[in-house]
Protein backbone atom coordinates (compact mmCIF):
# COMPACT_ATOMS: atom_id res chain seq x y z
CA UNK A 1 -11.59 -9.55 -5.07
CA UNK A 2 -12.97 -8.98 -8.54
CA UNK A 3 -11.41 -8.97 -11.97
CA UNK A 4 -12.47 -7.13 -15.08
CA UNK A 5 -10.74 -6.62 -18.43
CA UNK A 6 -12.36 -3.85 -20.46
CA UNK A 7 -12.21 -3.85 -24.24
CA UNK A 8 -10.88 -1.06 -26.47
CA UNK A 9 -13.65 1.27 -25.30
CA UNK A 10 -13.09 0.43 -21.63
CA UNK A 11 -12.14 2.74 -18.84
CA UNK A 12 -8.54 3.89 -18.53
CA UNK A 13 -8.12 4.34 -14.79
CA UNK A 14 -4.85 6.27 -14.82
CA UNK A 15 -5.93 8.74 -17.47
CA UNK A 16 -9.30 9.32 -15.88
CA UNK A 17 -7.88 9.93 -12.41
CA UNK A 18 -5.49 12.56 -13.77
CA UNK A 19 -8.35 14.61 -15.20
CA UNK A 20 -9.33 15.81 -11.75
CA UNK A 21 -5.78 16.70 -10.75
CA UNK A 22 -4.41 16.99 -7.22
CA UNK A 23 -5.96 19.73 -5.08
CA UNK A 24 -3.94 19.28 -1.90
CA UNK A 25 -0.53 18.00 -0.85
CA UNK A 26 1.54 16.29 -3.55
CA UNK A 27 4.27 13.66 -3.37
CA UNK A 28 5.50 12.89 -6.88
CA UNK A 29 8.71 10.98 -7.52
CA UNK A 30 10.29 9.27 -10.52
CA UNK A 31 13.03 6.68 -9.98
CA UNK A 32 15.49 5.41 -12.59
CA UNK A 33 18.13 2.71 -12.76
CA UNK A 34 21.66 3.92 -13.55
CA UNK A 35 24.26 1.18 -13.60
CA UNK A 36 23.75 -1.04 -10.57
CA UNK A 37 21.89 1.59 -8.55
CA UNK A 38 18.47 3.24 -8.44
CA UNK A 39 18.34 7.02 -8.16
CA UNK A 40 15.70 9.75 -7.89
CA UNK A 41 15.36 11.35 -11.31
CA UNK A 42 12.60 13.82 -10.55
CA UNK A 43 10.58 14.88 -7.50
CA UNK A 44 7.94 17.35 -6.37
CA UNK A 45 6.90 17.35 -2.72
CA UNK A 46 4.54 19.86 -1.08
CA UNK A 47 3.00 20.30 2.39
CA UNK A 48 2.12 18.27 4.39
CA UNK A 49 4.48 15.76 2.79
CA UNK A 50 8.19 15.75 3.49
CA UNK A 51 10.99 13.56 2.18
CA UNK A 52 14.53 13.23 3.45
CA UNK A 53 17.36 11.80 1.38
CA UNK A 54 16.85 8.23 0.09
CA UNK A 55 18.65 5.33 1.73
CA UNK A 56 20.64 2.45 0.26
CA UNK A 57 20.12 -0.04 3.09
CA UNK A 58 20.82 -3.31 1.29
CA UNK A 59 24.46 -3.85 0.33
CA UNK A 60 23.54 -7.17 -1.30
CA UNK A 61 20.82 -5.48 -3.41
CA UNK A 62 22.42 -2.25 -4.71
CA UNK A 63 19.46 -1.54 -6.98
CA UNK A 64 16.99 -1.33 -4.05
CA UNK A 65 16.47 2.24 -2.81
CA UNK A 66 14.42 3.04 0.32
CA UNK A 67 12.39 6.25 0.71
CA UNK A 68 10.44 7.40 3.77
CA UNK A 69 7.31 9.38 2.97
CA UNK A 70 6.90 11.69 5.95
CA UNK A 71 4.22 14.13 7.07
CA UNK A 72 4.65 17.33 9.10
CA UNK A 73 0.94 17.79 9.87
CA UNK A 74 0.29 15.20 12.59
CA UNK A 75 -2.15 13.05 10.65
CA UNK A 76 -5.09 13.31 8.27
CA UNK A 77 -7.79 15.94 8.76
CA UNK A 78 -11.23 16.72 7.38
CA UNK A 79 -11.48 17.58 3.68
CA UNK A 80 -7.77 16.94 3.02
CA UNK A 81 -6.99 15.75 -0.50
CA UNK A 82 -3.53 14.20 -0.81
CA UNK A 83 -1.94 12.90 -4.00
CA UNK A 84 1.05 10.58 -4.44
CA UNK A 85 2.63 9.45 -7.70
CA UNK A 86 5.40 6.90 -8.14
CA UNK A 87 7.10 6.21 -11.48
CA UNK A 88 9.57 3.33 -11.44
CA UNK A 89 11.92 3.11 -14.43
CA UNK A 90 13.02 -0.10 -16.12
CA UNK A 91 14.91 -2.43 -13.72
CA UNK A 92 14.75 0.14 -10.91
CA UNK A 93 13.82 -1.08 -7.42
CA UNK A 94 12.24 1.01 -4.68
CA UNK A 95 10.79 0.57 -1.20
CA UNK A 96 8.48 3.40 -0.06
CA UNK A 97 7.28 3.41 3.52
CA UNK A 98 6.24 5.90 6.23
CA UNK A 99 7.96 6.98 9.41
CA UNK A 100 5.08 5.80 11.64
CA UNK A 101 1.36 5.10 11.74
CA UNK A 102 -0.96 7.87 10.47
CA UNK A 103 -3.73 9.19 12.72
CA UNK A 104 -7.02 10.03 11.02
CA UNK A 105 -8.67 12.69 13.19
CA UNK A 106 -12.35 13.62 13.62
CA UNK A 107 -13.36 14.62 10.08
CA UNK A 108 -16.74 16.11 11.02
CA UNK A 109 -18.41 14.37 8.08
CA UNK A 110 -15.95 15.63 5.46
CA UNK A 111 -13.63 12.78 4.37
CA UNK A 112 -9.88 12.96 4.15
CA UNK A 113 -8.85 11.57 0.76
CA UNK A 114 -5.63 9.90 -0.33
CA UNK A 115 -5.06 9.03 -3.98
CA UNK A 116 -1.97 7.26 -5.33
CA UNK A 117 -0.83 6.48 -8.85
CA UNK A 118 1.88 3.96 -9.72
CA UNK A 119 3.49 3.42 -13.11
CA UNK A 120 6.05 0.62 -13.37
CA UNK A 121 8.28 -0.02 -16.37
CA UNK A 122 9.84 -3.34 -17.45
CA UNK A 123 11.34 -5.55 -14.74
CA UNK A 124 10.98 -2.87 -12.05
CA UNK A 125 10.17 -3.45 -8.37
CA UNK A 126 8.15 -1.40 -5.88
CA UNK A 127 7.16 -2.18 -2.30
CA UNK A 128 4.64 0.38 -1.03
CA UNK A 129 4.26 -0.31 2.70
CA UNK A 130 2.82 2.58 4.73
CA UNK A 131 2.27 1.96 8.42
CA UNK A 132 -1.38 1.53 9.50
CA UNK A 133 -4.04 4.21 9.56
CA UNK A 134 -5.22 4.76 13.14
CA UNK A 135 -8.89 5.73 13.02
CA UNK A 136 -9.92 8.07 15.82
CA UNK A 137 -13.60 8.64 16.70
CA UNK A 138 -15.52 10.14 13.74
CA UNK A 139 -12.59 9.57 11.38
CA UNK A 140 -13.69 9.43 7.73
CA UNK A 141 -11.11 8.39 5.15
CA UNK A 142 -11.19 7.45 1.46
CA UNK A 143 -8.13 5.89 -0.19
CA UNK A 144 -7.67 5.03 -3.85
CA UNK A 145 -4.76 3.60 -5.80
CA UNK A 146 -4.27 2.93 -9.51
CA UNK A 147 -1.20 0.99 -10.68
CA UNK A 148 -0.02 0.05 -14.16
CA UNK A 149 2.56 -2.73 -14.42
CA UNK A 150 4.78 -3.45 -17.41
CA UNK A 151 6.18 -6.89 -18.24
CA UNK A 152 8.40 -8.37 -15.54
CA UNK A 153 7.46 -5.78 -12.90
CA UNK A 154 6.68 -6.68 -9.27
CA UNK A 155 4.50 -4.63 -6.91
CA UNK A 156 3.98 -5.33 -3.21
CA UNK A 157 1.18 -3.33 -1.55
CA UNK A 158 0.34 -3.05 2.14
CA UNK A 159 -2.90 -1.46 3.40
CA UNK A 160 -3.83 -1.69 7.08
CA UNK A 161 -5.79 0.08 9.79
CA UNK A 162 -6.79 -0.02 13.44
CA UNK A 163 -9.37 1.69 15.68
CA UNK A 164 -8.53 3.85 18.68
CA UNK A 165 -10.51 6.01 21.07
CA UNK A 166 -8.15 8.05 23.31
CA UNK A 167 -10.93 8.47 25.90
CA UNK A 168 -11.72 4.72 25.94
CA UNK A 169 -15.44 5.39 25.47
CA UNK A 170 -15.84 2.98 22.52
CA UNK A 171 -16.67 5.82 20.13
CA UNK A 172 -16.47 4.52 16.53
CA UNK A 173 -14.89 6.05 13.47
CA UNK A 174 -17.34 7.10 10.75
CA UNK A 175 -16.18 5.28 7.62
CA UNK A 176 -13.16 3.88 5.80
CA UNK A 177 -13.12 3.00 2.11
CA UNK A 178 -10.41 1.65 -0.17
CA UNK A 179 -10.35 1.12 -3.93
CA UNK A 180 -7.31 -0.49 -5.62
CA UNK A 181 -7.10 -0.95 -9.39
CA UNK A 182 -4.30 -2.86 -11.10
CA UNK A 183 -3.76 -2.48 -14.86
CA UNK A 184 -1.48 -4.25 -17.31
CA UNK A 185 0.88 -2.29 -19.58
CA UNK A 186 -1.92 -1.80 -22.13
CA UNK A 187 -4.10 -0.11 -19.52
CA UNK A 188 -6.51 -3.04 -19.18
CA UNK A 189 -7.91 -3.65 -15.72
CA UNK A 190 -6.59 -6.92 -14.27
CA UNK A 191 -7.61 -6.79 -10.60
CA UNK A 192 -9.83 -4.51 -8.54
CA UNK A 193 -10.06 -4.78 -4.76
CA UNK A 194 -12.53 -2.50 -2.96
CA UNK A 195 -14.22 -2.20 0.41
CA UNK A 196 -16.25 0.28 2.44
CA UNK A 197 -16.79 -0.24 6.13
CA UNK A 198 -18.16 1.75 9.08
CA UNK A 199 -16.83 1.90 12.59
CA UNK A 200 -20.27 1.11 13.93
CA UNK A 201 -20.34 -2.16 11.97
CA UNK A 202 -16.92 -3.19 13.27
CA UNK A 203 -17.96 -2.45 16.83
CA UNK A 204 -21.20 -4.41 16.73
CA UNK A 205 -21.83 -7.81 18.30
CA UNK A 206 -21.55 -9.45 14.86
CA UNK A 207 -18.38 -7.61 13.83
CA UNK A 208 -16.44 -9.33 11.04
CA UNK A 209 -13.16 -8.81 12.90
CA UNK A 210 -14.34 -9.80 16.38
CA UNK A 211 -11.91 -8.68 19.04
CA UNK A 212 -8.93 -8.26 16.72
CA UNK A 213 -7.47 -4.74 16.66
CA UNK A 214 -5.54 -4.53 13.38
CA UNK A 215 -6.81 -5.32 9.88
CA UNK A 216 -4.27 -5.67 7.06
CA UNK A 217 -4.63 -6.30 3.34
CA UNK A 218 -1.65 -7.15 1.16
CA UNK A 219 -1.22 -7.72 -2.57
CA UNK A 220 1.82 -9.30 -4.24
CA UNK A 221 1.50 -8.56 -7.94
CA UNK A 222 3.33 -8.98 -11.22
CA UNK A 223 5.70 -11.44 -12.84
CA UNK A 224 4.93 -14.91 -11.39
CA UNK A 225 8.59 -15.89 -11.72
CA UNK A 226 9.52 -13.08 -9.30
CA UNK A 227 6.78 -13.70 -6.71
CA UNK A 228 6.78 -16.06 -3.70
CA UNK A 229 5.09 -19.40 -4.33
CA UNK A 230 1.95 -20.54 -2.52
CA UNK A 231 4.04 -23.10 -0.62
CA UNK A 232 6.50 -20.47 0.62
CA UNK A 233 3.73 -18.08 1.66
CA UNK A 234 1.79 -20.80 3.46
CA UNK A 235 4.84 -21.99 5.37
CA UNK A 236 6.22 -18.57 6.28
CA UNK A 237 3.02 -16.73 7.17
CA UNK A 238 1.92 -18.98 10.03
CA UNK A 239 1.92 -17.23 13.41
CA UNK A 240 -0.08 -18.00 16.57
CA UNK A 241 -0.97 -14.33 17.22
CA UNK A 242 -2.50 -13.53 13.81
CA UNK A 243 -5.13 -14.93 11.45
CA UNK A 244 -4.18 -14.94 7.78
CA UNK A 245 -5.95 -15.87 4.57
CA UNK A 246 -4.22 -16.41 1.21
CA UNK A 247 -6.00 -15.97 -2.14
CA UNK A 248 -4.77 -16.38 -5.70
CA UNK A 249 -5.73 -13.21 -7.57
CA UNK A 250 -7.62 -13.25 -10.89
CA UNK A 251 -5.81 -13.34 -14.24
CA UNK A 252 -2.71 -14.86 -12.60
CA UNK A 253 -1.98 -11.40 -11.24
CA UNK A 254 -0.42 -12.65 -8.00
CA UNK A 255 -1.50 -13.16 -4.39
CA UNK A 256 -3.84 -11.45 -1.95
CA UNK A 257 -3.30 -11.81 1.80
CA UNK A 258 -5.79 -10.76 4.50
CA UNK A 259 -4.64 -10.56 8.09
CA UNK A 260 -6.14 -9.90 11.53
CA UNK A 261 -3.74 -9.11 14.37
CA UNK A 262 -4.20 -8.36 18.03
CA UNK A 263 -1.39 -5.84 18.43
CA UNK A 264 0.71 -3.34 16.50
CA UNK A 265 3.75 -5.56 17.05
CA UNK A 266 2.05 -8.58 15.46
CA UNK A 267 0.69 -6.50 12.56
CA UNK A 268 4.12 -5.03 11.82
CA UNK A 269 5.75 -8.45 12.04
CA UNK A 270 3.47 -9.94 9.37
CA UNK A 271 3.99 -6.90 7.11
CA UNK A 272 7.78 -7.13 7.52
CA UNK A 273 7.68 -10.85 6.79
CA UNK A 274 5.73 -10.35 3.57
CA UNK A 275 8.06 -7.55 2.51
CA UNK A 276 11.04 -9.85 3.08
CA UNK A 277 9.40 -12.64 1.10
CA UNK A 278 8.65 -10.32 -1.81
CA UNK A 279 12.28 -9.11 -1.89
CA UNK A 280 13.68 -12.64 -1.58
CA UNK A 281 11.54 -13.86 -4.48
CA UNK A 282 12.44 -10.91 -6.70
CA UNK A 283 16.18 -10.68 -5.93
CA UNK A 284 17.17 -13.94 -4.23
CA UNK A 285 18.42 -12.10 -1.14
CA UNK A 286 16.71 -11.10 2.11
CA UNK A 287 16.46 -7.35 2.84
CA UNK A 288 17.91 -5.72 5.91
CA UNK A 289 15.57 -4.63 8.71
CA UNK A 290 13.93 -1.23 8.25
CA UNK A 291 14.16 0.78 11.46
CA UNK A 292 11.61 3.40 12.49
């Protein structure tokens, strides 16, 4: 993980990404805090995205609203270009997740792209926890995310994937890339986490993940007073069926967690545990279980 803080003439990631504009499906939502509760203030959702009504699942945390980002297309396909935007108002709290894992189909050399933008106002909370990408043979996917956090805000990000060949012929996916940029409220880059990996490399004899099937990357970002401590993370993340690594992010931005799991059940368990820890640290109460 790398850090970089540009000067006055540095790159503004949010502004630059908006210049291109979304060319495919759009999922744009603004949330605001009204009294003790968080509500949707504005939304625009187009195919293949779909959103049902939001859910208030946590009686002990009335400000925490849960939204399921759904898709009616059956996965990601070649040359798709999907855009998501989340604006979280001051003191609002939101959990955005998906209804299930997302299949990335054979892209025939033309990548499916997913770009997300997050803007968080003072003392807000967002957990963005999509289920894993499932990379079919010749899948080619590029994901990018740019987030800007105001003072007191907390952001929990989950990014995971697995490989799968329905014909069991060990056919690899083509490529997966991810680029995450975190900015402070002035637009200065605080943390950047990027990778690009091929299915052929993961399937080789010297694969970095060995025989593990699920790869997960998590980031817990924002106000240190509202994040889990190193001690809590170390104690609560131990599990015999996963390998985890904990890193303190640059510029006191928070924590990075890498995880290898052997099954979907183990991968989901570690993601749910980290989500619970992020909610407990921010609100002092454990969240209810999210059912899918």
